[in-house]
Amino acid sequence: MDHNPIRTAVRRMRRAEGTDVCCFCGRKDRVTRIQASGRFRRQLERHHVVGRKHDSELIIQVCRHCHDLLTEGLLREGISMLFEPNRVTRAANILKAQAAFLEEFANAQRRLADTLQKEKK
């Protein structure tokens, strides 16, 4: 058995980060090669649920497509991604961001359930 310390470190890092599946659409993480630059890019990204400036530790793993949709949803709700020095306004922004996230998450769970039911038939 060949022991590769780099692969071991990557596995440990992924386990520490959480899932290798998008929490919204179920897409599995893969590494894709970007043709123009020859670099590699992961399918999953970290999404700061209420915005990085509001809570830098509240993170989930989502695919790039879902990440764009979630971020757009925050902007549509009028939630600023800038740091808010006023504690009351900042708390209100966090609550609105959480509500927007939970609504999107509930919709995603319904879609996944519908998909499973269709596959069952």
C-alpha atoms as a PDB file:
ATOM      1  CA  MET A   1       0.000   0.000   0.000  1.00  0.00           C
ATOM      2  CA  ASP A   2       1.391   3.361  -1.077  1.00  0.00           C
ATOM      3  CA  HIS A   3       1.134   6.063   1.597  1.00  0.00           C
ATOM      4  CA  ASN A   4       0.776   9.551   0.167  1.00  0.00           C
ATOM      5  CA  PRO A   5       0.926  12.219   2.928  1.00  0.00           C
ATOM      6  CA  ILE A   6      -0.522  14.892   0.626  1.00  0.00           C
ATOM      7  CA  ARG A   7      -3.617  12.823  -0.125  1.00  0.00           C
ATOM      8  CA  THR A   8      -4.013  12.072   3.576  1.00  0.00           C
ATOM      9  CA  ALA A   9      -3.822  15.786   4.397  1.00  0.00           C
ATOM     10  CA  VAL A  10      -6.405  16.605   1.712  1.00  0.00           C
ATOM     11  CA  ARG A  11      -8.797  13.945   3.058  1.00  0.00           C
ATOM     12  CA  ARG A  12      -8.407  15.289   6.597  1.00  0.00           C
ATOM     13  CA  MET A  13      -9.031  18.835   5.393  1.00  0.00           C
ATOM     14  CA  ARG A  14     -12.191  17.775   3.543  1.00  0.00           C
ATOM     15  CA  ARG A  15     -13.488  15.915   6.573  1.00  0.00           C
ATOM     16  CA  ALA A  16     -12.885  18.996   8.720  1.00  0.00           C
ATOM     17  CA  GLU A  17     -14.701  21.203   6.200  1.00  0.00           C
ATOM     18  CA  GLY A  18     -17.740  18.952   6.082  1.00  0.00           C
ATOM     19  CA  THR A  19     -19.578  17.375   3.209  1.00  0.00           C
ATOM     20  CA  ASP A  20     -18.439  16.782  -0.353  1.00  0.00           C
ATOM     21  CA  VAL A  21     -21.986  17.274  -1.638  1.00  0.00           C
ATOM     22  CA  CYS A  22     -23.849  20.512  -2.306  1.00  0.00           C
ATOM     23  CA  CYS A  23     -26.417  21.009   0.467  1.00  0.00           C
ATOM     24  CA  PHE A  24     -28.894  22.427  -2.028  1.00  0.00           C
ATOM     25  CA  CYS A  25     -28.828  20.416  -5.222  1.00  0.00           C
ATOM     26  CA  GLY A  26     -26.919  17.302  -4.180  1.00  0.00           C
ATOM     27  CA  ARG A  27     -24.156  17.782  -6.753  1.00  0.00           C
ATOM     28  CA  LYS A  28     -21.028  15.917  -5.730  1.00  0.00           C
ATOM     29  CA  ASP A  29     -17.722  17.705  -5.490  1.00  0.00           C
ATOM     30  CA  ARG A  30     -15.379  17.221  -8.387  1.00  0.00           C
ATOM     31  CA  VAL A  31     -12.261  19.003  -9.462  1.00  0.00           C
ATOM     32  CA  THR A  32     -12.461  20.380 -12.978  1.00  0.00           C
ATOM     33  CA  ARG A  33      -9.685  21.656 -15.160  1.00  0.00           C
ATOM     34  CA  ILE A  34     -10.056  25.162 -16.528  1.00  0.00           C
ATOM     35  CA  GLN A  35      -8.951  24.843 -20.136  1.00  0.00           C
ATOM     36  CA  ALA A  36      -7.650  28.377 -20.684  1.00  0.00           C
ATOM     37  CA  SER A  37      -5.306  28.466 -17.680  1.00  0.00           C
ATOM     38  CA  GLY A  38      -4.704  24.758 -17.101  1.00  0.00           C
ATOM     39  CA  ARG A  39      -5.548  25.301 -13.406  1.00  0.00           C
ATOM     40  CA  PHE A  40      -7.952  23.156 -11.432  1.00  0.00           C
ATOM     41  CA  ARG A  41     -11.085  24.344  -9.686  1.00  0.00           C
ATOM     42  CA  ARG A  42     -13.368  22.612  -7.201  1.00  0.00           C
ATOM     43  CA  GLN A  43     -17.094  22.362  -7.894  1.00  0.00           C
ATOM     44  CA  LEU A  44     -18.016  23.173  -4.286  1.00  0.00           C
ATOM     45  CA  GLU A  45     -17.429  26.510  -2.662  1.00  0.00           C
ATOM     46  CA  ARG A  46     -17.835  27.895   0.826  1.00  0.00           C
ATOM     47  CA  HIS A  47     -20.913  30.039   1.289  1.00  0.00           C
ATOM     48  CA  HIS A  48     -21.138  32.396   4.252  1.00  0.00           C
ATOM     49  CA  VAL A  49     -24.807  31.926   5.148  1.00  0.00           C
ATOM     50  CA  VAL A  50     -25.374  35.402   6.594  1.00  0.00           C
ATOM     51  CA  GLY A  51     -22.438  37.124   4.892  1.00  0.00           C
ATOM     52  CA  ARG A  52     -18.760  36.914   5.805  1.00  0.00           C
ATOM     53  CA  LYS A  53     -18.746  40.362   7.439  1.00  0.00           C
ATOM     54  CA  HIS A  54     -21.671  39.381   9.706  1.00  0.00           C
ATOM     55  CA  ASP A  55     -20.460  35.896  10.732  1.00  0.00           C
ATOM     56  CA  SER A  56     -17.272  34.545   9.212  1.00  0.00           C
ATOM     57  CA  GLU A  57     -17.682  31.074  10.756  1.00  0.00           C
ATOM     58  CA  LEU A  58     -21.221  30.182   9.613  1.00  0.00           C
ATOM     59  CA  ILE A  59     -20.284  28.373   6.389  1.00  0.00           C
ATOM     60  CA  ILE A  60     -21.814  25.631   4.255  1.00  0.00           C
ATOM     61  CA  GLN A  61     -20.525  23.858   1.144  1.00  0.00           C
ATOM     62  CA  VAL A  62     -22.504  24.495  -2.024  1.00  0.00           C
ATOM     63  CA  CYS A  63     -21.820  24.171  -5.743  1.00  0.00           C
ATOM     64  CA  ARG A  64     -20.935  27.292  -7.695  1.00  0.00           C
ATOM     65  CA  HIS A  65     -24.400  27.525  -9.235  1.00  0.00           C
ATOM     66  CA  CYS A  66     -26.200  27.363  -5.878  1.00  0.00           C
ATOM     67  CA  HIS A  67     -23.645  29.765  -4.371  1.00  0.00           C
ATOM     68  CA  ASP A  68     -24.513  32.344  -7.015  1.00  0.00           C
ATOM     69  CA  LEU A  69     -28.244  31.856  -6.362  1.00  0.00           C
ATOM     70  CA  LEU A  70     -27.858  32.171  -2.593  1.00  0.00           C
ATOM     71  CA  THR A  71     -25.726  35.298  -2.833  1.00  0.00           C
ATOM     72  CA  GLU A  72     -28.182  36.825  -5.311  1.00  0.00           C
ATOM     73  CA  GLY A  73     -31.008  36.014  -2.883  1.00  0.00           C
ATOM     74  CA  LEU A  74     -29.265  37.951  -0.123  1.00  0.00           C
ATOM     75  CA  LEU A  75     -28.826  40.936  -2.425  1.00  0.00           C
ATOM     76  CA  ARG A  76     -32.489  40.757  -3.550  1.00  0.00           C
ATOM     77  CA  GLU A  77     -33.539  40.861   0.104  1.00  0.00           C
ATOM     78  CA  GLY A  78     -31.534  44.072   0.470  1.00  0.00           C
ATOM     79  CA  ILE A  79     -29.045  42.540   2.902  1.00  0.00           C
ATOM     80  CA  SER A  80     -25.791  44.442   2.811  1.00  0.00           C
ATOM     81  CA  MET A  81     -22.616  42.394   2.702  1.00  0.00           C
ATOM     82  CA  LEU A  82     -20.650  45.254   4.268  1.00  0.00           C
ATOM     83  CA  PHE A  83     -19.842  45.343   7.978  1.00  0.00           C
ATOM     84  CA  GLU A  84     -22.548  47.169   9.917  1.00  0.00           C
ATOM     85  CA  PRO A  85     -21.173  48.913  13.021  1.00  0.00           C
ATOM     86  CA  ASN A  86     -24.621  49.385  14.572  1.00  0.00           C
ATOM     87  CA  ARG A  87     -25.337  46.205  16.564  1.00  0.00           C
ATOM     88  CA  VAL A  88     -29.111  46.384  16.152  1.00  0.00           C
ATOM     89  CA  THR A  89     -28.912  46.901  12.382  1.00  0.00           C
ATOM     90  CA  ARG A  90     -26.291  44.147  12.127  1.00  0.00           C
ATOM     91  CA  ALA A  91     -28.535  41.752  14.102  1.00  0.00           C
ATOM     92  CA  ALA A  92     -31.468  42.631  11.835  1.00  0.00           C
ATOM     93  CA  ASN A  93     -29.321  41.916   8.763  1.00  0.00           C
ATOM     94  CA  ILE A  94     -28.289  38.552  10.198  1.00  0.00           C
ATOM     95  CA  LEU A  95     -31.894  37.584  10.957  1.00  0.00           C
ATOM     96  CA  LYS A  96     -33.024  38.574   7.456  1.00  0.00           C
ATOM     97  CA  ALA A  97     -30.124  36.645   5.920  1.00  0.00           C
ATOM     98  CA  GLN A  98     -30.959  33.556   7.972  1.00  0.00           C
ATOM     99  CA  ALA A  99     -34.619  33.768   6.949  1.00  0.00           C
ATOM    100  CA  ALA A 100     -33.682  34.077   3.261  1.00  0.00           C
ATOM    101  CA  PHE A 101     -31.309  31.117   3.587  1.00  0.00           C
ATOM    102  CA  LEU A 102     -33.861  28.933   5.369  1.00  0.00           C
ATOM    103  CA  GLU A 103     -36.521  29.690   2.733  1.00  0.00           C
ATOM    104  CA  GLU A 104     -34.122  28.698  -0.037  1.00  0.00           C
ATOM    105  CA  PHE A 105     -33.044  25.608   1.890  1.00  0.00           C
ATOM    106  CA  ALA A 106     -36.663  24.506   2.386  1.00  0.00           C
ATOM    107  CA  ASN A 107     -37.319  24.916  -1.344  1.00  0.00           C
ATOM    108  CA  ALA A 108     -34.184  22.922  -2.171  1.00  0.00           C
ATOM    109  CA  GLN A 109     -35.242  20.111   0.163  1.00  0.00           C
ATOM    110  CA  ARG A 110     -38.658  19.958  -1.532  1.00  0.00           C
ATOM    111  CA  ARG A 111     -37.001  19.734  -4.949  1.00  0.00           C
ATOM    112  CA  LEU A 112     -34.717  16.933  -3.778  1.00  0.00           C
ATOM    113  CA  ALA A 113     -37.666  15.050  -2.270  1.00  0.00           C
ATOM    114  CA  ASP A 114     -39.628  15.401  -5.525  1.00  0.00           C
ATOM    115  CA  THR A 115     -36.642  14.121  -7.482  1.00  0.00           C
ATOM    116  CA  LEU A 116     -36.338  11.081  -5.229  1.00  0.00           C
ATOM    117  CA  GLN A 117     -40.036  10.312  -5.561  1.00  0.00           C
ATOM    118  CA  LYS A 118     -39.835  10.523  -9.353  1.00  0.00           C
ATOM    119  CA  GLU A 119     -36.821   8.187  -9.405  1.00  0.00           C
ATOM    120  CA  LYS A 120     -38.699   5.694  -7.257  1.00  0.00           C
ATOM    121  CA  LYS A 121     -41.494   5.286  -9.839  1.00  0.00           C
END
